[in-house]
N, C-alpha and C. Protein backbone atom coordinates (compact mmCIF):
# COMPACT_ATOMS: atom_id res chain seq x y z
N MET A 1 0.92 -1.42 0.11
CA MET A 1 -0.69 0.05 0.28
C MET A 1 1.28 0.81 -0.54
N TYR A 2 0.40 2.28 -0.86
CA TYR A 2 1.49 3.50 -1.22
C TYR A 2 0.03 4.50 -0.57
N VAL A 3 1.53 4.79 0.40
CA VAL A 3 1.07 6.53 1.48
C VAL A 3 1.69 8.17 0.75
N PHE A 4 0.18 8.72 -0.11
CA PHE A 4 1.03 9.65 -1.11
C PHE A 4 1.01 10.82 -0.11
N ASP A 5 1.93 11.95 -0.33
CA ASP A 5 1.96 13.12 0.35
C ASP A 5 2.08 14.51 -1.25
N THR A 6 1.58 14.90 -0.32
CA THR A 6 0.85 16.57 -1.32
C THR A 6 1.33 16.55 -2.44
N SER A 7 3.05 16.84 -1.84
CA SER A 7 3.97 16.42 -3.39
C SER A 7 3.73 16.11 -3.71
N THR A 8 3.42 14.84 -3.92
CA THR A 8 3.61 13.85 -4.81
C THR A 8 2.59 13.83 -5.97
N PHE A 9 1.42 14.07 -5.06
CA PHE A 9 -0.19 14.44 -5.89
C PHE A 9 -0.25 15.39 -6.62
N THR A 10 0.78 16.68 -6.16
CA THR A 10 0.96 17.36 -6.76
C THR A 10 2.11 17.55 -7.75
N GLN A 11 3.10 16.51 -7.76
CA GLN A 11 3.90 16.60 -9.47
C GLN A 11 3.80 15.52 -10.16
N LEU A 12 2.83 14.99 -9.82
CA LEU A 12 2.03 14.26 -10.46
C LEU A 12 0.79 14.65 -11.33
N PHE A 13 -0.11 15.42 -10.90
CA PHE A 13 -0.86 16.44 -11.50
C PHE A 13 0.12 17.60 -12.62
N ARG A 14 0.88 17.64 -11.57
CA ARG A 14 2.16 19.58 -12.71
C ARG A 14 2.43 18.47 -13.40
N SER A 15 3.36 17.89 -13.51
CA SER A 15 4.21 17.22 -15.06
C SER A 15 3.46 16.31 -15.99
N TYR A 16 2.31 14.94 -15.52
CA TYR A 16 1.89 14.28 -16.16
C TYR A 16 0.76 14.46 -16.61
N TYR A 17 0.23 15.24 -17.69
CA TYR A 17 -1.35 15.59 -17.70
C TYR A 17 -1.62 14.16 -18.13
N PRO A 18 -2.99 14.25 -18.15
CA PRO A 18 -4.11 13.28 -18.39
C PRO A 18 -4.31 12.98 -19.72
N ASP A 19 -4.54 14.18 -20.61
CA ASP A 19 -4.32 13.99 -21.75
C ASP A 19 -3.19 13.38 -22.27
N ARG A 20 -1.93 13.38 -21.97
CA ARG A 20 -1.09 13.31 -22.55
C ARG A 20 -0.32 11.92 -22.41
N PHE A 21 -0.68 11.82 -20.86
CA PHE A 21 0.22 10.85 -20.45
C PHE A 21 -1.65 9.70 -19.51
N PRO A 22 -2.11 9.00 -21.51
CA PRO A 22 -3.48 8.51 -20.83
C PRO A 22 -2.90 7.06 -19.74
N THR A 23 -1.95 5.91 -20.18
CA THR A 23 -1.35 5.30 -20.07
C THR A 23 -1.64 5.19 -18.88
N LEU A 24 0.00 6.05 -17.95
CA LEU A 24 0.12 6.14 -16.80
C LEU A 24 -0.88 6.62 -15.75
N TRP A 25 -1.76 7.95 -16.68
CA TRP A 25 -3.21 7.32 -15.13
C TRP A 25 -3.44 6.25 -15.64
N GLN A 26 -4.00 5.95 -16.28
CA GLN A 26 -4.57 3.65 -16.44
C GLN A 26 -4.30 3.38 -15.17
N HIS A 27 -2.78 3.55 -14.92
CA HIS A 27 -1.83 2.35 -14.17
C HIS A 27 -2.24 2.79 -12.81
N PHE A 28 -2.66 4.51 -12.17
CA PHE A 28 -2.98 4.88 -11.92
C PHE A 28 -4.00 4.31 -11.00
N ASP A 29 -4.61 5.01 -11.82
CA ASP A 29 -6.62 4.88 -11.19
C ASP A 29 -6.81 3.53 -11.53
N ARG A 30 -5.72 2.08 -12.32
CA ARG A 30 -6.08 1.40 -11.47
C ARG A 30 -5.92 0.57 -9.83
N LEU A 31 -4.75 1.28 -9.91
CA LEU A 31 -3.87 1.25 -8.45
C LEU A 31 -4.65 2.07 -7.46
N VAL A 32 -5.23 2.79 -7.73
CA VAL A 32 -6.59 3.86 -6.30
C VAL A 32 -7.05 2.70 -7.09
N ASP A 33 -8.39 2.43 -7.69
CA ASP A 33 -9.33 1.67 -7.13
C ASP A 33 -9.36 -0.16 -7.24
N ALA A 34 -7.79 -0.75 -6.70
CA ALA A 34 -7.36 -1.86 -6.44
C ALA A 34 -7.45 -0.77 -5.10
N GLY A 35 -7.16 0.05 -3.82
CA GLY A 35 -6.94 0.26 -2.77
C GLY A 35 -5.30 0.33 -2.23
N ASN A 36 -4.69 0.01 -3.14
CA ASN A 36 -3.25 -0.02 -3.28
C ASN A 36 -2.75 1.84 -3.27
N VAL A 37 -3.90 2.69 -3.35
CA VAL A 37 -3.64 4.23 -2.54
C VAL A 37 -3.90 4.92 -1.59
N THR A 38 -3.69 4.84 -1.01
CA THR A 38 -4.65 5.89 -0.17
C THR A 38 -3.24 7.30 0.57
N SER A 39 -4.00 8.73 2.01
CA SER A 39 -3.05 9.10 2.09
C SER A 39 -3.52 9.87 3.54
N THR A 40 -4.04 11.02 3.65
CA THR A 40 -4.43 11.29 4.73
C THR A 40 -5.53 12.98 4.85
N ARG A 41 -6.59 12.52 5.29
CA ARG A 41 -7.23 13.72 5.76
C ARG A 41 -6.42 14.88 5.60
N GLU A 42 -5.74 15.06 6.29
CA GLU A 42 -4.88 16.39 6.52
C GLU A 42 -3.89 16.73 4.88
N VAL A 43 -3.62 15.52 4.32
CA VAL A 43 -2.88 15.99 2.77
C VAL A 43 -4.42 16.38 2.28
N ARG A 44 -5.58 16.02 2.48
CA ARG A 44 -6.42 16.56 2.06
C ARG A 44 -6.48 17.94 1.85
N ARG A 45 -6.03 18.32 3.22
CA ARG A 45 -6.94 19.58 3.65
C ARG A 45 -5.66 20.88 2.84
N GLU A 46 -4.26 20.47 3.22
CA GLU A 46 -3.33 21.48 2.08
C GLU A 46 -3.47 20.96 0.95
N ILE A 47 -3.71 20.23 -0.16
CA ILE A 47 -3.83 19.73 -1.67
C ILE A 47 -5.39 21.57 -1.69
N GLU A 48 -6.22 21.01 -0.50
CA GLU A 48 -7.26 21.76 -0.87
C GLU A 48 -6.74 23.61 -0.98
N ASP A 49 -5.86 23.45 -0.38
CA ASP A 49 -4.97 25.28 0.28
C ASP A 49 -4.51 25.45 -1.32
N GLY A 50 -4.09 24.05 -2.27
CA GLY A 50 -2.76 24.63 -3.14
C GLY A 50 -3.15 24.79 -4.76
N PRO A 51 -2.16 25.49 -4.87
CA PRO A 51 -2.97 25.63 -6.49
C PRO A 51 -2.92 25.23 -7.26
N VAL A 52 -3.17 23.86 -7.73
CA VAL A 52 -2.96 22.87 -8.66
C VAL A 52 -5.09 22.50 -8.86
N ARG A 53 -5.49 23.40 -10.11
CA ARG A 53 -7.05 23.29 -10.05
C ARG A 53 -7.66 22.03 -9.92
N ALA A 54 -6.52 21.48 -11.05
CA ALA A 54 -7.24 19.67 -11.15
C ALA A 54 -6.66 19.04 -9.96
N LEU A 55 -6.22 18.41 -9.21
CA LEU A 55 -5.64 17.86 -8.25
C LEU A 55 -6.99 17.80 -7.43
N THR A 56 -7.16 19.61 -7.11
CA THR A 56 -7.94 19.78 -5.96
C THR A 56 -9.81 18.98 -6.41
N GLU A 57 -9.58 19.07 -7.54
CA GLU A 57 -10.88 18.48 -8.05
C GLU A 57 -11.20 17.02 -7.63
N TRP A 58 -9.89 16.32 -8.39
CA TRP A 58 -9.46 15.61 -8.64
C TRP A 58 -9.68 14.43 -7.07
N ALA A 59 -9.14 15.79 -6.21
CA ALA A 59 -9.18 15.20 -4.45
C ALA A 59 -10.53 15.18 -4.17
N GLY A 60 -11.42 15.94 -4.09
CA GLY A 60 -12.68 15.80 -3.90
C GLY A 60 -13.17 14.85 -4.81
N ARG A 61 -13.04 13.90 -5.78
CA ARG A 61 -13.41 13.05 -6.68
C ARG A 61 -13.49 11.62 -5.67
N ASN A 62 -11.90 12.11 -4.92
CA ASN A 62 -11.49 10.62 -4.15
C ASN A 62 -11.49 10.78 -2.81
N THR A 63 -12.52 11.23 -2.30
CA THR A 63 -12.43 10.78 -0.64
C THR A 63 -12.14 9.96 -0.45
N ASP A 64 -12.72 9.42 -0.34
CA ASP A 64 -12.06 8.16 0.83
C ASP A 64 -10.46 7.48 0.55
N LEU A 65 -10.13 7.98 -0.42
CA LEU A 65 -8.49 8.01 -0.01
C LEU A 65 -7.64 8.74 0.38
N PHE A 66 -8.52 9.63 1.32
CA PHE A 66 -8.78 10.77 2.32
C PHE A 66 -8.96 10.84 3.97
N PRO A 67 -9.04 9.38 4.34
CA PRO A 67 -9.55 9.45 5.88
C PRO A 67 -9.07 10.20 6.95
N ALA A 68 -9.77 10.46 7.50
CA ALA A 68 -9.29 11.41 9.52
C ALA A 68 -8.16 10.07 9.97
N PRO A 69 -7.48 10.63 11.02
CA PRO A 69 -6.38 9.18 11.61
C PRO A 69 -6.90 8.57 12.42
N THR A 70 -7.15 7.23 12.19
CA THR A 70 -7.51 6.72 13.46
C THR A 70 -6.42 6.58 14.59
N SER A 71 -7.06 5.63 15.47
CA SER A 71 -6.52 6.61 16.93
C SER A 71 -5.39 5.83 17.14
N ASP A 72 -4.70 4.34 16.35
CA ASP A 72 -3.34 4.04 15.93
C ASP A 72 -2.62 4.91 16.01
N GLU A 73 -2.45 5.87 14.72
CA GLU A 73 -2.05 6.75 13.63
C GLU A 73 -2.26 7.74 14.75
N ALA A 74 -3.46 8.54 15.14
CA ALA A 74 -2.41 9.36 16.59
C ALA A 74 -2.06 8.96 17.69
N ARG A 75 -1.63 8.04 18.31
CA ARG A 75 -0.17 7.48 19.04
C ARG A 75 0.30 7.33 17.59
N PHE A 76 1.19 7.10 16.77
CA PHE A 76 2.08 7.16 16.45
C PHE A 76 2.50 8.97 15.96
N VAL A 77 1.85 9.39 15.75
CA VAL A 77 2.34 11.26 15.65
C VAL A 77 2.55 11.56 16.98
N SER A 78 1.72 10.19 18.86
CA SER A 78 2.54 10.85 19.15
C SER A 78 3.84 10.69 19.81
N ARG A 79 4.20 9.13 18.93
CA ARG A 79 5.55 9.13 19.35
C ARG A 79 6.96 9.83 18.36
N ILE A 80 6.49 10.64 17.24
CA ILE A 80 7.07 11.38 16.62
C ILE A 80 7.61 12.77 17.01
N PHE A 81 6.28 13.43 17.27
CA PHE A 81 6.18 14.11 19.19
C PHE A 81 7.17 14.45 20.01
N GLN A 82 7.50 13.03 20.27
CA GLN A 82 8.76 12.77 20.92
C GLN A 82 10.05 13.00 20.85
N VAL A 83 10.73 11.89 20.18
CA VAL A 83 11.53 12.67 19.08
C VAL A 83 11.85 14.44 19.00
N THR A 84 12.93 15.23 20.33
CA THR A 84 12.33 16.56 20.32
C THR A 84 12.97 16.96 18.91
N ARG A 85 14.12 16.51 18.64
CA ARG A 85 14.30 17.11 16.70
C ARG A 85 13.69 17.53 16.29
N PHE A 86 12.10 16.17 15.43
CA PHE A 86 11.38 16.49 14.92
C PHE A 86 10.08 17.45 15.63
N GLN A 87 9.99 17.61 16.32
CA GLN A 87 9.31 18.07 16.92
C GLN A 87 9.14 19.17 16.44
N GLN A 88 10.28 19.72 17.05
CA GLN A 88 10.26 21.02 16.68
C GLN A 88 10.87 22.01 15.31
N VAL A 89 10.98 21.07 14.40
CA VAL A 89 10.72 21.40 13.06
C VAL A 89 9.48 21.26 12.37
N ILE A 90 8.83 20.13 13.18
CA ILE A 90 7.45 20.15 12.28
C ILE A 90 6.49 20.89 13.13
N GLU A 91 6.52 21.24 13.58
CA GLU A 91 6.02 22.43 14.76
C GLU A 91 6.39 23.89 14.10
N GLN A 92 6.95 24.08 13.72
CA GLN A 92 7.98 25.17 13.35
C GLN A 92 7.71 25.37 12.25
N ARG A 93 7.17 24.38 11.02
CA ARG A 93 6.43 24.25 9.64
C ARG A 93 5.68 24.49 9.97
N LYS A 94 5.23 24.11 10.37
CA LYS A 94 3.41 24.08 10.63
C LYS A 94 2.95 25.46 11.06
N LEU A 95 3.60 26.18 11.61
CA LEU A 95 3.80 27.33 11.99
C LEU A 95 3.58 28.83 10.86
N LEU A 96 4.56 28.21 9.50
CA LEU A 96 5.09 28.99 8.97
C LEU A 96 3.64 28.61 7.18
N LYS A 97 3.12 27.39 7.96
CA LYS A 97 2.53 27.46 5.96
C LYS A 97 0.75 27.20 7.40
N GLY A 98 0.90 27.88 8.15
CA GLY A 98 -0.49 28.68 8.41
C GLY A 98 -1.48 27.42 9.85
N GLY A 99 -1.04 26.54 10.04
CA GLY A 99 -1.88 25.51 10.99
C GLY A 99 -1.68 23.88 10.54
N LYS A 100 -0.87 23.37 9.02
CA LYS A 100 -1.69 22.11 8.24
C LYS A 100 0.06 22.24 8.01
N ASN A 101 -0.52 20.53 8.50
CA ASN A 101 1.55 19.63 8.63
C ASN A 101 1.18 18.39 8.28
N ALA A 102 0.88 17.57 6.75
CA ALA A 102 0.47 16.60 6.57
C ALA A 102 1.37 15.52 7.51
N ASP A 103 2.69 15.69 7.57
CA ASP A 103 3.72 14.81 7.46
C ASP A 103 3.56 13.55 8.96
N PRO A 104 3.33 14.30 9.83
CA PRO A 104 3.08 13.70 11.21
C PRO A 104 2.24 11.91 10.68
N PHE A 105 1.28 12.86 10.03
CA PHE A 105 -0.20 11.96 10.09
C PHE A 105 0.16 11.04 8.71
N LEU A 106 1.01 11.25 7.61
CA LEU A 106 1.32 10.74 6.92
C LEU A 106 1.68 9.40 6.92
N ILE A 107 3.66 10.03 8.27
CA ILE A 107 4.32 8.80 8.43
C ILE A 107 3.17 7.43 9.69
N ALA A 108 2.42 8.53 10.22
CA ALA A 108 1.72 7.65 11.10
C ALA A 108 0.82 5.81 10.02
N ARG A 109 0.23 6.50 9.28
CA ARG A 109 -0.68 6.00 7.96
C ARG A 109 0.29 4.68 8.19
N ALA A 110 1.64 5.39 7.52
CA ALA A 110 1.93 4.66 6.65
C ALA A 110 2.02 3.46 7.61
N GLN A 111 2.74 3.56 8.48
CA GLN A 111 3.50 2.45 9.79
C GLN A 111 2.59 1.82 10.49
N THR A 112 1.13 2.52 10.29
CA THR A 112 -0.25 0.91 10.82
C THR A 112 -0.83 0.25 9.76
N ILE A 113 -0.54 1.02 8.52
CA ILE A 113 -0.86 -0.06 7.87
C ILE A 113 0.23 -0.67 6.83
N SER A 114 1.74 -0.62 7.56
CA SER A 114 2.36 -1.07 7.50
C SER A 114 2.47 -1.15 5.04
N GLY A 115 2.46 0.19 5.17
CA GLY A 115 2.49 0.92 4.19
C GLY A 115 4.00 1.76 3.86
N MET A 116 3.84 2.52 1.63
CA MET A 116 5.29 2.87 1.74
C MET A 116 4.66 3.84 1.52
N VAL A 117 5.50 5.09 2.18
CA VAL A 117 5.11 6.79 2.08
C VAL A 117 5.89 6.84 0.25
N VAL A 118 5.62 7.62 -0.29
CA VAL A 118 5.59 8.62 -1.73
C VAL A 118 5.89 9.63 -1.44
N THR A 119 6.86 10.60 -1.81
CA THR A 119 7.15 12.26 -1.05
C THR A 119 8.42 12.59 -1.89
N MET A 120 7.98 13.45 -2.92
CA MET A 120 8.76 13.81 -3.31
C MET A 120 10.51 14.37 -2.37
N GLU A 121 10.02 15.09 -1.02
CA GLU A 121 10.55 15.70 0.06
C GLU A 121 12.22 14.05 -0.26
N SER A 122 13.72 15.26 -0.37
CA SER A 122 14.80 14.52 -0.08
C SER A 122 14.90 13.39 1.47
N GLU A 123 16.54 13.13 0.86
CA GLU A 123 16.93 12.75 2.46
C GLU A 123 17.94 13.53 2.75
N PRO A 124 17.99 14.65 3.56
CA PRO A 124 19.65 15.35 3.62
C PRO A 124 19.81 15.55 5.29
N PRO A 125 21.48 14.64 5.34
CA PRO A 125 21.79 14.15 6.20
C PRO A 125 21.70 14.35 7.42
N ASN A 126 21.42 14.15 8.49
CA ASN A 126 21.04 14.93 10.05
C ASN A 126 19.17 15.67 9.96
N GLY A 127 19.07 15.16 8.59
CA GLY A 127 17.41 16.09 8.36
C GLY A 127 16.59 15.92 9.10
N VAL A 128 15.02 16.64 8.51
CA VAL A 128 14.44 16.63 9.36
C VAL A 128 12.74 16.15 8.65
N LYS A 129 12.98 16.21 7.48
CA LYS A 129 11.96 15.60 5.70
C LYS A 129 11.55 14.50 6.50
N ILE A 130 10.32 14.45 6.03
CA ILE A 130 9.44 12.74 5.73
C ILE A 130 10.53 11.78 5.50
N PRO A 131 11.63 11.85 4.80
CA PRO A 131 12.64 10.23 4.80
C PRO A 131 13.45 10.09 5.85
N ASN A 132 13.83 11.24 6.36
CA ASN A 132 14.30 11.37 7.68
C ASN A 132 13.30 10.97 8.93
N ILE A 133 12.01 11.38 8.82
CA ILE A 133 11.32 10.47 10.08
C ILE A 133 11.25 9.53 9.64
N CYS A 134 10.94 8.24 7.90
CA CYS A 134 10.58 7.34 8.06
C CYS A 134 11.64 6.67 8.56
N ARG A 135 12.80 6.34 8.35
CA ARG A 135 13.96 5.86 8.19
C ARG A 135 14.53 5.88 9.76
N HIS A 136 14.42 6.70 10.39
CA HIS A 136 14.06 7.23 12.60
C HIS A 136 13.00 6.04 12.32
N PHE A 137 12.25 5.52 11.93
CA PHE A 137 11.05 4.71 12.74
C PHE A 137 10.80 3.34 11.68
N GLY A 138 11.94 3.63 10.47
CA GLY A 138 12.42 2.03 10.19
C GLY A 138 10.44 2.20 8.89
N ILE A 139 10.43 3.15 8.99
CA ILE A 139 8.95 2.95 7.60
C ILE A 139 9.65 3.08 5.86
N ASN A 140 9.63 2.06 5.09
CA ASN A 140 9.32 2.25 4.13
C ASN A 140 9.14 4.01 3.60
N CYS A 141 10.01 4.12 2.72
CA CYS A 141 9.70 5.23 1.97
C CYS A 141 10.23 5.63 0.35
N THR A 142 9.01 6.27 -0.60
CA THR A 142 10.04 6.47 -1.96
C THR A 142 10.09 7.13 -2.46
N SER A 143 10.22 8.07 -3.72
CA SER A 143 10.00 8.94 -4.76
C SER A 143 8.75 7.91 -5.26
N LEU A 144 8.15 9.60 -5.80
CA LEU A 144 7.42 9.70 -7.43
C LEU A 144 8.25 8.24 -7.92
N GLU A 145 9.19 8.58 -8.43
CA GLU A 145 10.19 7.77 -9.73
C GLU A 145 10.13 6.72 -8.98
N GLY A 146 11.14 6.01 -7.68
CA GLY A 146 10.66 4.88 -7.11
C GLY A 146 9.33 3.79 -6.92
N PHE A 147 8.45 4.92 -6.59
CA PHE A 147 6.85 3.82 -7.01
C PHE A 147 7.36 3.71 -8.24
N MET A 148 7.42 4.62 -9.53
CA MET A 148 7.00 4.21 -10.47
C MET A 148 8.06 2.78 -10.65
N GLU A 149 9.32 2.88 -10.28
CA GLU A 149 10.37 1.77 -10.41
C GLU A 149 9.41 0.18 -10.33
N ARG A 150 8.85 0.75 -8.66
CA ARG A 150 8.55 -0.66 -8.10
C ARG A 150 7.33 -0.86 -8.59
N GLU A 151 6.26 -0.17 -9.25
CA GLU A 151 5.40 -0.63 -10.15
C GLU A 151 5.03 -1.18 -11.81
N ASP A 152 7.23 -1.16 -12.42
CA ASP A 152 7.55 -1.54 -13.59
C ASP A 152 6.64 -1.01 -14.21
N TRP A 153 6.27 1.15 -14.60
CA TRP A 153 6.15 1.14 -15.18
C TRP A 153 7.16 1.71 -16.29
N GLN A 154 6.94 1.76 -17.18
CA GLN A 154 7.39 1.67 -18.84
C GLN A 154 6.14 2.64 -19.72
N PHE A 155 6.22 3.68 -20.41
CA PHE A 155 5.93 4.87 -21.20
C PHE A 155 6.52 4.68 -22.78
């Protein structure tokens, strides 16, 4: 199961227009229909505030992909916040973004469903990006390209 970040959805919709990449979208839609792609309510909130109208409309038609956090996910978010360096940066970014930050919820969802986070964020040494937090907790994480490679997509 893949847990998509806002950045990944945004990249997908900005770079791979459905009219120009119909085969990619057929593959992606199959994964969505099979229940192999998910995200979080917090990602949907970020999408709704984002600049990509087609993505906002798509998210509105696919609300099941963006569930509210479960109690297990909420407990795992608490575990993330127990790590001081993650807590400080997540809170700082939350303030800078006007109160929205899906990252801990995204990571918690992946952990509780044994999924893989798909994000466009890099993993800087000693950083506090999604891949760094995933590595700290032993959660699988990949990029959009890595996701496509895992699915063996070739166009």
